[in-house]
Amino acid sequence: MNKLNLQGKLKALATPAHLKSLRGIKRGIEREALRIKSSGEIAKTPHPKGAGHALTHGAITTDFSESLLEFITPVSESPEETLAQLKDLQKYTLSHMGDELLWPMSMPCYIKQEDDIVLAQFGQSNIGRMKTLYREGLKNRYGSMMQAIAGVHFNISFPDSLWQSLQQLEGDSGSLQDFISAQYLGLIRNFKRELWLISYLFGASPALCSSFLQGKNSQLPFKELGQGTLYLEHGTALRLGDLGYTNSAQSSLRVTYNSLDEYITGLQKAIRCRSDLYDHIPDYQHETPKQLNKNILQIENEFYSPIRPKRNGRSGETPTQALSRGGIEYVEIRALDVNPFSETGIDLDQILFLDVFLSYCLLQDSPELSWDEQQTCDANLQQVINEGRNPQVMLQRNGEACSLQQWGEDIFAQLSAVAALMDEAHGSQRYAPVIAKLHTWVAQPELTFSGRIIASLVEQDQDSGELALSLAKRYKHSHAADDYQTFGAEKLDTMSAQSFLDEQDVVTADSVSFNAFLRDYFSRA
């Protein structure tokens, strides 16, 4: 097997025989957004009926709570089309929300008490009841407040032409799918090593409403603004830190990414291993269940990770069963905050940057990543979450201290080379300018999303809630004023109506009791 480094791969891919293999990246976006009242408080109303049924609508659904909407775009090779689809879905849903708005931040709005966060309801089918009971389990395990945090998930797959070229260049004679899975795992390991850069550039949750803490003590050095905003002076993405999507019980799982079997084994162990922490919570076998089961993970989706290997599953398959059957099909990036400066929650520059960054993670050498090394990666991420815009911040790189600025400069030098090749392959000049622009943010932290947010809040001595509410009103107005670009109102009406018919089909198809349904599900998991 020919082991090429990054520069060797870029040089080989630049030849006429392989250059066009870089075309055809596919993407999909899932954007979460809290529904809020015009006053800025969380909405307690049901999922807007006009938007369709949350269980069966493929593009408009809910996440943890009735108020946490999730918009899911179809797979597309055009980032512009993906953003247009996302905008159409949000425009349509807003038109069925009355005076309610979409919260444009990751950290939630003012929430008086956790009971104001109503669990998502998916109907009376067995699968619908399972989804709601799973969320009740999350509530009883971690509290509802953490689940009110919103994010953006970015799904990406590379074209078969690229896999074929890379396999040929590396002299790999095994099955193409095994090669693809191994390459995606290499991407994941490199992504985890340098995830801190995503938090630095695009972290947009350096501040939060004090109601989020609900009397909990935090050791973080918060400063206070306005009537109840807490912020970290150099913070970037509190959503990814100890206050956000973390689960101390999962620290014992030690899920690693050095082979597909290793990853699947680690995750499946967690959904079969009973946890003393949750033993006191009644599970589905109890008369009044409060969680699905008493294991470390109720289901695999409970595993919190900033990136996941994925394959579209068949009916009844768990995520790891799908991976075991067919290998990795795409990866899901879960580390993005909602971008408050974009009415869709993510902008074109971010998508183009992620194209380049993830291609770099794929093509770069990717040695195995031990559990101890993963802990170092996590420590670097936490450092950037809390202190990323501090010019003095230091990270651990290959066992030695390294400044964020130096490491960032080194990464961007590589990203520039990848962007140049991608532009050549597409016959365009779109990737290189974005990389050049974001490169300047390394030395100028005030240009990052978190830097811009804190500057705005501090200069105006403004609550983060006031800033978010003003943006929410502006975006609702602009959505209403703009025309549909991809779906059209009639198409979305049809999708909404069909989702209710589909949900009735799901209910009708149930042939066993809820408990029997869950017994069968867990026997196959």
Protein backbone atom coordinates (compact mmCIF):
# COMPACT_ATOMS: atom_id res chain seq x y z
CA MET A 1 0.00 0.00 0.00
CA ASN A 2 1.31 3.47 -0.92
CA LYS A 3 1.18 5.74 2.13
CA LEU A 4 0.93 9.32 0.85
CA ASN A 5 1.05 12.34 3.12
CA LEU A 6 -1.25 15.35 2.64
CA GLN A 7 1.01 17.08 0.13
CA GLY A 8 1.45 13.84 -1.82
CA LYS A 9 -2.29 13.33 -2.01
CA LEU A 10 -2.92 16.92 -3.11
CA LYS A 11 -0.28 16.61 -5.82
CA ALA A 12 -1.71 13.30 -7.06
CA LEU A 13 -5.31 14.55 -6.98
CA ALA A 14 -4.28 17.61 -9.02
CA THR A 15 -3.46 15.43 -12.03
CA PRO A 16 -6.02 15.28 -14.87
CA ALA A 17 -6.87 11.66 -14.07
CA HIS A 18 -8.10 12.51 -10.57
CA LEU A 19 -8.89 16.24 -10.41
CA LYS A 20 -12.62 15.92 -11.13
CA SER A 21 -12.99 13.31 -8.39
CA LEU A 22 -13.22 16.16 -5.89
CA ARG A 23 -16.55 17.27 -7.32
CA GLY A 24 -19.86 16.07 -5.95
CA ILE A 25 -19.67 16.60 -2.18
CA LYS A 26 -23.16 16.10 -0.72
CA ARG A 27 -24.49 17.91 2.30
CA GLY A 28 -27.55 18.15 4.50
CA ILE A 29 -28.28 20.44 7.44
CA GLU A 30 -30.38 20.00 10.58
CA ARG A 31 -31.04 23.29 12.34
CA GLU A 32 -32.67 23.45 15.77
CA ALA A 33 -34.52 26.55 17.02
CA LEU A 34 -36.60 27.26 20.11
CA ARG A 35 -40.05 28.70 19.58
CA ILE A 36 -40.50 31.74 21.79
CA LYS A 37 -43.25 34.18 22.69
CA SER A 38 -42.96 37.72 21.38
CA SER A 39 -41.88 38.64 24.94
CA GLY A 40 -38.81 36.41 24.61
CA GLU A 41 -40.00 33.62 26.94
CA ILE A 42 -40.14 30.01 25.82
CA ALA A 43 -43.39 29.05 24.07
CA LYS A 44 -45.50 26.39 25.81
CA THR A 45 -47.88 25.88 22.90
CA PRO A 46 -47.99 22.58 20.95
CA HIS A 47 -45.97 22.02 17.80
CA PRO A 48 -47.64 24.19 15.12
CA LYS A 49 -50.25 21.96 13.49
CA GLY A 50 -49.99 23.69 10.12
CA ALA A 51 -46.33 22.65 9.90
CA GLY A 52 -47.24 18.97 9.86
CA HIS A 53 -46.93 16.00 12.22
CA ALA A 54 -43.64 15.91 14.11
CA LEU A 55 -43.37 12.12 13.89
CA THR A 56 -43.66 11.70 10.14
CA HIS A 57 -42.70 15.02 8.52
CA GLY A 58 -39.28 14.51 7.00
CA ALA A 59 -38.24 18.16 7.05
CA ILE A 60 -40.04 19.87 9.97
CA THR A 61 -40.08 18.14 13.34
CA THR A 62 -39.18 18.67 16.99
CA ASP A 63 -36.17 17.67 19.04
CA PHE A 64 -36.38 17.36 22.84
CA SER A 65 -39.33 19.63 23.56
CA GLU A 66 -42.49 20.77 21.84
CA SER A 67 -40.88 24.19 21.53
CA LEU A 68 -37.55 23.01 20.07
CA LEU A 69 -38.13 22.86 16.33
CA GLU A 70 -35.82 20.97 13.98
CA PHE A 71 -35.53 21.77 10.28
CA ILE A 72 -33.97 19.08 8.07
CA THR A 73 -32.88 19.75 4.49
CA PRO A 74 -32.74 17.09 1.78
CA VAL A 75 -29.31 15.98 0.57
CA SER A 76 -27.87 18.34 -2.05
CA GLU A 77 -24.61 19.01 -3.88
CA SER A 78 -25.32 22.76 -3.89
CA PRO A 79 -24.70 24.70 -0.67
CA GLU A 80 -26.79 27.56 -2.01
CA GLU A 81 -29.71 25.19 -2.58
CA THR A 82 -29.33 23.77 0.94
CA LEU A 83 -29.50 27.25 2.47
CA ALA A 84 -32.50 28.14 0.31
CA GLN A 85 -34.29 24.97 1.43
CA LEU A 86 -33.53 25.77 5.06
CA LYS A 87 -34.89 29.28 4.62
CA ASP A 88 -38.10 28.00 2.98
CA LEU A 89 -38.73 25.53 5.82
CA GLN A 90 -38.30 28.26 8.42
CA LYS A 91 -40.44 30.73 6.47
CA TYR A 92 -43.25 28.18 6.17
CA THR A 93 -43.16 27.19 9.84
CA LEU A 94 -43.11 30.82 11.00
CA SER A 95 -46.24 31.42 8.92
CA HIS A 96 -48.04 28.86 11.11
CA MET A 97 -46.71 30.18 14.44
CA GLY A 98 -48.86 33.27 14.97
CA ASP A 99 -46.93 35.85 16.99
CA GLU A 100 -44.24 33.38 18.04
CA LEU A 101 -40.63 33.73 16.92
CA LEU A 102 -37.58 31.54 16.37
CA TRP A 103 -34.82 32.08 18.95
CA PRO A 104 -31.61 32.81 16.97
CA MET A 105 -29.14 31.61 19.63
CA SER A 106 -27.90 28.24 20.88
CA MET A 107 -28.25 28.94 24.60
CA PRO A 108 -31.93 29.21 25.51
CA CYS A 109 -34.07 32.25 26.23
CA TYR A 110 -35.37 33.20 29.67
CA ILE A 111 -36.99 30.12 31.21
CA LYS A 112 -38.69 30.61 34.56
CA GLN A 113 -38.66 26.94 35.54
CA GLU A 114 -37.76 23.63 33.94
CA ASP A 115 -41.40 22.54 33.81
CA ASP A 116 -41.97 25.28 31.22
CA ILE A 117 -40.02 23.04 28.82
CA VAL A 118 -42.76 20.70 27.56
CA LEU A 119 -41.64 17.30 26.29
CA ALA A 120 -42.07 16.71 22.55
CA GLN A 121 -45.22 14.76 21.73
CA PHE A 122 -45.23 12.33 18.81
CA GLY A 123 -48.69 10.79 19.04
CA GLN A 124 -50.05 7.45 20.26
CA SER A 125 -48.21 5.05 17.99
CA ASN A 126 -45.69 2.78 19.66
CA ILE A 127 -42.75 4.53 18.03
CA GLY A 128 -44.23 7.94 18.90
CA ARG A 129 -44.67 6.98 22.55
CA MET A 130 -41.12 5.58 22.58
CA LYS A 131 -39.74 8.89 21.35
CA THR A 132 -41.53 10.82 24.09
CA LEU A 133 -40.56 8.36 26.83
CA TYR A 134 -36.93 8.59 25.67
CA ARG A 135 -37.12 12.36 26.17
CA GLU A 136 -38.68 11.89 29.60
CA GLY A 137 -35.67 9.75 30.40
CA LEU A 138 -33.34 12.55 29.28
CA LYS A 139 -35.26 14.97 31.49
CA ASN A 140 -34.98 12.72 34.54
CA ARG A 141 -31.31 11.96 33.89
CA TYR A 142 -29.90 15.36 33.00
CA GLY A 143 -32.66 17.92 33.49
CA SER A 144 -34.66 19.70 30.80
CA MET A 145 -32.61 22.88 30.74
CA MET A 146 -29.64 21.24 29.03
CA GLN A 147 -32.02 19.83 26.42
CA ALA A 148 -33.30 23.32 25.57
CA ILE A 149 -29.95 24.15 23.95
CA ALA A 150 -30.09 24.41 20.15
CA GLY A 151 -27.42 23.58 17.60
CA VAL A 152 -26.79 23.00 13.91
CA HIS A 153 -25.83 19.57 12.56
CA PHE A 154 -23.88 19.41 9.31
CA ASN A 155 -23.96 16.14 7.37
CA ILE A 156 -21.40 15.52 4.64
CA SER A 157 -20.49 12.68 2.28
CA PHE A 158 -17.74 12.53 -0.30
CA PRO A 159 -18.33 11.26 -3.86
CA ASP A 160 -17.55 7.70 -4.96
CA SER A 161 -15.14 9.17 -7.51
CA LEU A 162 -12.93 10.49 -4.70
CA TRP A 163 -12.94 7.17 -2.84
CA GLN A 164 -11.98 5.35 -6.03
CA SER A 165 -9.14 7.77 -6.70
CA LEU A 166 -7.80 7.61 -3.16
CA GLN A 167 -8.02 3.83 -3.06
CA GLN A 168 -6.09 3.63 -6.34
CA LEU A 169 -3.48 6.17 -5.22
CA GLU A 170 -2.89 4.30 -1.96
CA GLY A 171 -2.76 0.90 -3.68
CA ASP A 172 -5.50 -0.52 -1.49
CA SER A 173 -6.90 -3.76 -2.91
CA GLY A 174 -9.59 -4.44 -0.32
CA SER A 175 -13.31 -3.76 -0.64
CA LEU A 176 -14.22 -0.17 -1.48
CA GLN A 177 -16.68 0.10 1.42
CA ASP A 178 -14.09 -1.07 3.96
CA PHE A 179 -11.72 1.54 2.55
CA ILE A 180 -14.41 4.24 2.78
CA SER A 181 -15.21 3.38 6.41
CA ALA A 182 -11.53 3.46 7.37
CA GLN A 183 -11.06 6.81 5.64
CA TYR A 184 -14.10 8.34 7.38
CA LEU A 185 -12.76 7.14 10.74
CA GLY A 186 -9.45 8.84 9.93
CA LEU A 187 -11.40 12.04 9.22
CA ILE A 188 -13.20 11.70 12.57
CA ARG A 189 -9.93 11.25 14.49
CA ASN A 190 -8.41 14.34 12.88
CA PHE A 191 -11.60 16.31 13.44
CA LYS A 192 -11.44 15.50 17.15
CA ARG A 193 -7.79 16.56 17.27
CA GLU A 194 -8.53 20.00 15.84
CA LEU A 195 -12.18 20.51 16.78
CA TRP A 196 -11.07 23.41 18.95
CA LEU A 197 -10.67 25.49 15.77
CA ILE A 198 -14.40 25.13 14.99
CA SER A 199 -15.23 26.34 18.49
CA TYR A 200 -12.84 29.26 18.13
CA LEU A 201 -14.14 30.44 14.75
CA PHE A 202 -17.85 29.65 14.98
CA GLY A 203 -18.58 29.34 18.69
CA ALA A 204 -21.51 31.70 19.27
CA SER A 205 -22.48 31.00 22.86
CA PRO A 206 -20.09 32.97 25.08
CA ALA A 207 -23.03 34.32 27.11
CA LEU A 208 -26.20 32.93 28.66
CA CYS A 209 -29.28 33.96 30.58
CA SER A 210 -28.73 33.48 34.31
CA SER A 211 -32.02 31.52 34.40
CA PHE A 212 -30.16 28.69 32.64
CA LEU A 213 -28.23 27.91 35.83
CA GLN A 214 -31.42 27.74 37.97
CA GLY A 215 -29.47 28.23 41.20
CA LYS A 216 -26.65 25.82 40.27
CA ASN A 217 -23.16 26.84 41.26
CA SER A 218 -20.64 27.27 38.47
CA GLN A 219 -16.89 27.53 38.89
CA LEU A 220 -16.57 29.53 35.67
CA PRO A 221 -15.41 33.17 36.04
CA PHE A 222 -18.63 34.73 34.74
CA LYS A 223 -19.08 38.45 34.38
CA GLU A 224 -22.55 40.00 34.44
CA LEU A 225 -24.33 42.33 32.05
CA GLY A 226 -27.72 44.01 32.02
CA GLN A 227 -30.49 42.39 34.00
CA GLY A 228 -29.28 38.80 33.99
CA THR A 229 -26.73 37.96 31.32
CA LEU A 230 -23.64 36.00 32.34
CA TYR A 231 -20.67 35.82 30.00
CA LEU A 232 -17.07 34.70 29.79
CA GLU A 233 -14.78 37.49 28.64
CA HIS A 234 -12.83 35.20 26.31
CA GLY A 235 -15.39 32.41 25.96
CA THR A 236 -16.54 30.94 22.66
CA ALA A 237 -19.03 28.05 22.85
CA LEU A 238 -20.52 27.37 26.28
CA ARG A 239 -22.94 25.00 24.56
CA LEU A 240 -20.08 22.54 24.08
CA GLY A 241 -18.70 22.94 27.59
CA ASP A 242 -19.53 21.59 31.02
CA LEU A 243 -22.75 23.61 31.12
CA GLY A 244 -24.02 22.17 27.85
CA TYR A 245 -24.15 18.81 26.14
CA THR A 246 -22.07 16.77 28.52
CA ASN A 247 -22.83 13.62 30.46
CA SER A 248 -20.47 12.60 33.24
CA ALA A 249 -21.91 9.07 33.28
CA GLN A 250 -20.66 8.62 29.73
CA SER A 251 -17.05 9.36 30.66
CA SER A 252 -16.62 5.68 31.52
CA LEU A 253 -17.68 4.53 28.04
CA ARG A 254 -14.32 5.09 26.35
CA VAL A 255 -15.74 4.97 22.83
CA THR A 256 -12.85 5.16 20.36
CA TYR A 257 -12.59 5.51 16.59
CA ASN A 258 -9.63 3.41 15.45
CA SER A 259 -11.77 0.83 13.65
CA LEU A 260 -15.44 0.46 12.86
CA ASP A 261 -15.70 -2.69 14.98
CA GLU A 262 -14.07 -0.85 17.90
CA TYR A 263 -16.56 2.03 17.65
CA ILE A 264 -19.61 -0.25 17.29
CA THR A 265 -18.52 -2.48 20.18
CA GLY A 266 -18.00 0.50 22.49
CA LEU A 267 -21.38 2.02 21.72
CA GLN A 268 -23.34 -1.24 21.86
CA LYS A 269 -21.81 -2.02 25.23
CA ALA A 270 -23.24 1.22 26.58
CA ILE A 271 -26.82 0.44 25.57
CA ARG A 272 -26.59 -2.95 27.29
CA CYS A 273 -24.75 -1.92 30.46
CA ARG A 274 -26.93 -1.09 33.46
CA SER A 275 -26.12 2.13 35.31
CA ASP A 276 -26.42 2.54 39.07
CA LEU A 277 -27.02 6.25 38.49
CA TYR A 278 -30.37 5.62 36.81
CA ASP A 279 -31.49 2.49 38.65
CA HIS A 280 -33.96 4.46 40.81
CA ILE A 281 -35.86 5.84 37.79
CA PRO A 282 -38.78 3.59 36.73
CA ASP A 283 -38.29 2.18 33.23
CA TYR A 284 -40.77 0.96 30.60
CA GLN A 285 -41.57 -2.19 32.58
CA HIS A 286 -43.00 -0.05 35.38
CA GLU A 287 -46.65 1.04 35.51
CA THR A 288 -45.61 4.69 35.27
CA PRO A 289 -42.30 4.69 33.34
CA LYS A 290 -39.97 7.69 33.49
CA GLN A 291 -37.27 6.40 31.12
CA LEU A 292 -36.88 3.71 28.48
CA ASN A 293 -34.43 1.57 30.47
CA LYS A 294 -31.81 1.78 33.21
CA ASN A 295 -28.72 1.44 31.03
CA ILE A 296 -25.91 3.98 30.61
CA LEU A 297 -27.57 4.93 27.33
CA GLN A 298 -31.28 4.38 26.76
CA ILE A 299 -30.59 4.26 23.02
CA GLU A 300 -27.50 5.00 20.94
CA ASN A 301 -28.57 8.56 20.11
CA GLU A 302 -28.10 9.48 23.76
CA PHE A 303 -24.33 9.30 23.24
CA TYR A 304 -23.09 12.88 23.12
CA SER A 305 -20.36 13.34 20.54
CA PRO A 306 -19.35 16.33 18.38
CA ILE A 307 -19.08 14.04 15.34
CA ARG A 308 -20.73 10.73 14.43
CA PRO A 309 -20.18 8.14 11.69
CA LYS A 310 -23.56 7.44 10.06
CA ARG A 311 -25.43 5.25 7.60
CA ASN A 312 -29.06 5.64 6.64
CA GLY A 313 -30.85 2.86 8.49
CA ARG A 314 -33.55 0.47 7.41
CA SER A 315 -36.83 0.19 9.31
CA GLY A 316 -36.16 -1.06 12.84
CA GLU A 317 -32.37 -0.76 12.63
CA THR A 318 -30.33 0.98 15.29
CA PRO A 319 -27.52 3.30 14.10
CA THR A 320 -24.79 0.77 14.90
CA GLN A 321 -26.72 -2.04 13.23
CA ALA A 322 -26.85 0.07 10.07
CA LEU A 323 -23.10 0.73 10.32
CA SER A 324 -22.37 -2.95 10.91
CA ARG A 325 -24.46 -3.92 7.87
CA GLY A 326 -23.18 -1.38 5.35
CA GLY A 327 -20.26 0.60 6.75
CA ILE A 328 -19.99 4.37 7.06
CA GLU A 329 -21.97 6.37 4.49
CA TYR A 330 -21.46 9.92 5.80
CA VAL A 331 -20.45 11.85 8.90
CA GLU A 332 -22.55 14.15 11.06
CA ILE A 333 -20.87 17.23 12.56
CA ARG A 334 -22.69 18.19 15.76
CA ALA A 335 -20.34 20.87 17.07
CA LEU A 336 -21.85 23.98 15.45
CA ASP A 337 -23.60 26.66 17.47
CA VAL A 338 -26.54 28.42 15.87
CA ASN A 339 -25.09 31.39 13.98
CA PRO A 340 -27.07 34.41 15.26
CA PHE A 341 -25.81 36.56 12.39
CA SER A 342 -27.61 34.41 9.82
CA GLU A 343 -31.38 34.12 9.50
CA THR A 344 -30.94 30.42 8.67
CA GLY A 345 -28.60 29.71 11.62
CA ILE A 346 -25.64 28.90 9.33
CA ASP A 347 -24.16 30.80 6.39
CA LEU A 348 -22.41 30.02 3.11
CA ASP A 349 -18.92 30.85 4.42
CA GLN A 350 -19.33 28.25 7.16
CA ILE A 351 -20.41 25.56 4.70
CA LEU A 352 -17.51 26.28 2.35
CA PHE A 353 -15.06 26.32 5.26
CA LEU A 354 -16.40 22.97 6.49
CA ASP A 355 -16.01 21.53 2.98
CA VAL A 356 -12.32 22.45 3.07
CA PHE A 357 -11.69 21.61 6.73
CA LEU A 358 -13.31 18.18 6.48
CA SER A 359 -11.48 17.44 3.22
CA TYR A 360 -8.26 18.37 5.02
CA CYS A 361 -9.21 16.06 7.93
CA LEU A 362 -9.81 13.29 5.39
CA LEU A 363 -6.58 13.71 3.42
CA GLN A 364 -4.29 14.45 6.36
CA ASP A 365 -2.36 11.61 8.02
CA SER A 366 -4.51 10.16 10.80
CA PRO A 367 -2.71 7.86 13.24
CA GLU A 368 -4.76 5.96 15.79
CA LEU A 369 -6.23 8.03 18.61
CA SER A 370 -5.98 6.45 22.06
CA TRP A 371 -8.41 7.21 24.87
CA ASP A 372 -5.74 9.26 26.68
CA GLU A 373 -5.15 11.28 23.51
CA GLN A 374 -8.89 11.84 23.20
CA GLN A 375 -8.84 13.26 26.72
CA THR A 376 -6.14 15.71 25.61
CA CYS A 377 -8.28 16.72 22.62
CA ASP A 378 -11.22 17.31 24.97
CA ALA A 379 -9.03 19.37 27.29
CA ASN A 380 -7.95 21.55 24.35
CA LEU A 381 -11.58 22.03 23.40
CA GLN A 382 -12.56 23.02 26.94
CA GLN A 383 -9.67 25.49 27.04
CA VAL A 384 -10.91 27.17 23.85
CA ILE A 385 -14.54 27.09 25.00
CA ASN A 386 -13.65 29.05 28.14
CA GLU A 387 -10.60 31.09 27.06
CA GLY A 388 -10.33 30.83 23.29
CA ARG A 389 -10.12 34.55 22.55
CA ASN A 390 -7.43 35.15 25.18
CA PRO A 391 -4.23 35.91 23.18
CA GLN A 392 -2.23 34.03 25.83
CA VAL A 393 -4.17 30.77 25.62
CA MET A 394 -2.06 27.63 25.20
CA LEU A 395 -3.01 24.17 23.96
CA GLN A 396 -1.38 20.74 24.10
CA ARG A 397 -0.03 19.60 20.72
CA ASN A 398 1.89 16.34 20.41
CA GLY A 399 2.74 16.44 24.09
CA GLU A 400 4.01 20.02 24.06
CA ALA A 401 2.48 23.41 24.81
CA CYS A 402 1.54 25.39 21.71
CA SER A 403 -0.22 28.72 21.33
CA LEU A 404 -3.62 28.72 19.66
CA GLN A 405 -2.34 31.30 17.18
CA GLN A 406 0.63 29.19 16.08
CA TRP A 407 -1.42 26.03 15.70
CA GLY A 408 -4.12 27.95 13.87
CA GLU A 409 -1.56 29.41 11.45
CA ASP A 410 -0.22 25.93 10.73
CA ILE A 411 -3.71 24.56 10.04
CA PHE A 412 -4.64 27.44 7.75
CA ALA A 413 -1.46 26.97 5.72
CA GLN A 414 -2.69 23.45 4.96
CA LEU A 415 -6.29 24.57 4.42
CA SER A 416 -5.11 27.09 1.82
CA ALA A 417 -3.51 24.30 -0.20
CA VAL A 418 -6.65 22.15 0.03
CA ALA A 419 -8.86 25.12 -0.96
CA ALA A 420 -6.69 25.87 -3.99
CA LEU A 421 -7.06 22.29 -5.22
CA MET A 422 -10.83 22.31 -4.63
CA ASP A 423 -11.17 25.57 -6.58
CA GLU A 424 -9.14 24.08 -9.41
CA ALA A 425 -11.34 20.99 -9.45
CA HIS A 426 -14.51 23.09 -9.61
CA GLY A 427 -13.12 25.66 -12.02
CA SER A 428 -14.08 28.41 -9.57
CA GLN A 429 -12.72 30.87 -7.03
CA ARG A 430 -14.97 30.28 -4.05
CA TYR A 431 -13.05 28.25 -1.48
CA ALA A 432 -9.74 30.15 -1.34
CA PRO A 433 -11.31 33.56 -0.52
CA VAL A 434 -13.28 32.08 2.40
CA ILE A 435 -10.17 30.41 3.83
CA ALA A 436 -8.21 33.67 3.42
CA LYS A 437 -10.96 35.61 5.19
CA LEU A 438 -11.27 33.22 8.15
CA HIS A 439 -7.48 32.97 8.39
CA THR A 440 -7.44 36.59 9.57
CA TRP A 441 -9.64 35.62 12.52
CA VAL A 442 -6.78 33.63 14.06
CA ALA A 443 -4.85 36.79 14.87
CA GLN A 444 -7.99 38.91 15.37
CA PRO A 445 -10.31 37.11 17.81
CA GLU A 446 -12.69 40.08 17.80
CA LEU A 447 -13.77 38.99 14.30
CA THR A 448 -15.04 35.58 15.49
CA PHE A 449 -18.73 35.03 16.16
CA SER A 450 -18.19 35.03 19.94
CA GLY A 451 -15.99 38.15 19.71
CA ARG A 452 -18.68 40.01 17.79
CA ILE A 453 -21.39 38.96 20.25
CA ILE A 454 -19.46 40.03 23.34
CA ALA A 455 -18.44 43.34 21.74
CA SER A 456 -22.08 44.09 20.93
CA LEU A 457 -23.28 43.22 24.42
CA VAL A 458 -20.53 45.04 26.31
CA GLU A 459 -20.59 48.20 24.19
CA GLN A 460 -24.34 48.57 24.69
CA ASP A 461 -24.48 47.05 28.22
CA GLN A 462 -27.21 44.87 26.72
CA ASP A 463 -28.77 41.59 27.81
CA SER A 464 -28.05 38.74 25.43
CA GLY A 465 -31.82 38.17 25.47
CA GLU A 466 -32.46 41.67 24.14
CA LEU A 467 -29.99 41.13 21.31
CA ALA A 468 -31.52 37.74 20.45
CA LEU A 469 -35.09 39.06 20.56
CA SER A 470 -34.28 41.94 18.23
CA LEU A 471 -32.66 39.50 15.78
CA ALA A 472 -35.61 37.09 16.05
CA LYS A 473 -38.07 39.85 15.12
CA ARG A 474 -35.89 41.01 12.23
CA TYR A 475 -35.55 37.49 10.84
CA LYS A 476 -39.28 36.78 11.10
CA HIS A 477 -39.98 39.96 9.13
CA SER A 478 -37.42 39.11 6.44
CA HIS A 479 -38.72 35.54 6.10
CA ALA A 480 -42.25 36.86 5.64
CA ALA A 481 -41.13 39.42 3.05
CA ASP A 482 -39.05 37.01 0.92
CA ASP A 483 -40.47 34.61 -1.65
CA TYR A 484 -40.08 30.85 -1.47
CA GLN A 485 -37.02 29.72 -3.42
CA THR A 486 -37.11 25.91 -3.64
CA PHE A 487 -40.13 24.21 -2.08
CA GLY A 488 -43.04 26.59 -2.60
CA ALA A 489 -46.02 26.96 -0.25
CA GLU A 490 -48.16 24.46 -2.17
CA LYS A 491 -45.48 21.76 -1.97
CA LEU A 492 -45.03 22.37 1.75
CA ASP A 493 -48.80 22.26 2.30
CA THR A 494 -48.86 18.86 0.58
CA MET A 495 -45.97 17.59 2.72
CA SER A 496 -47.74 18.77 5.87
CA ALA A 497 -51.05 17.11 4.97
CA GLN A 498 -49.30 13.88 3.96
CA SER A 499 -47.46 13.72 7.29
CA PHE A 500 -50.78 13.40 9.16
CA LEU A 501 -51.90 10.60 6.86
CA ASP A 502 -48.55 8.87 7.33
CA GLU A 503 -48.84 9.13 11.11
CA GLN A 504 -52.24 7.46 11.02
CA ASP A 505 -50.72 4.66 8.97
CA VAL A 506 -48.07 4.19 11.65
CA VAL A 507 -50.75 3.98 14.36
CA THR A 508 -52.82 1.53 12.32
CA ALA A 509 -49.80 -0.67 11.66
CA ASP A 510 -49.16 -1.25 15.37
CA SER A 511 -50.05 -4.84 16.19
CA VAL A 512 -48.62 -5.26 19.70
CA SER A 513 -48.79 -3.40 23.01
CA PHE A 514 -46.30 -0.63 23.83
CA ASN A 515 -44.44 -2.85 26.30
CA ALA A 516 -44.25 -5.71 23.80
CA PHE A 517 -42.99 -3.27 21.17
CA LEU A 518 -40.18 -2.11 23.48
CA ARG A 519 -39.29 -5.65 24.57
CA ASP A 520 -38.89 -6.60 20.93
CA TYR A 521 -36.86 -3.43 20.17
CA PHE A 522 -34.41 -3.97 23.02
CA SER A 523 -34.07 -7.67 22.27
CA ARG A 524 -32.77 -6.69 18.81
CA ALA A 525 -30.65 -3.72 19.91
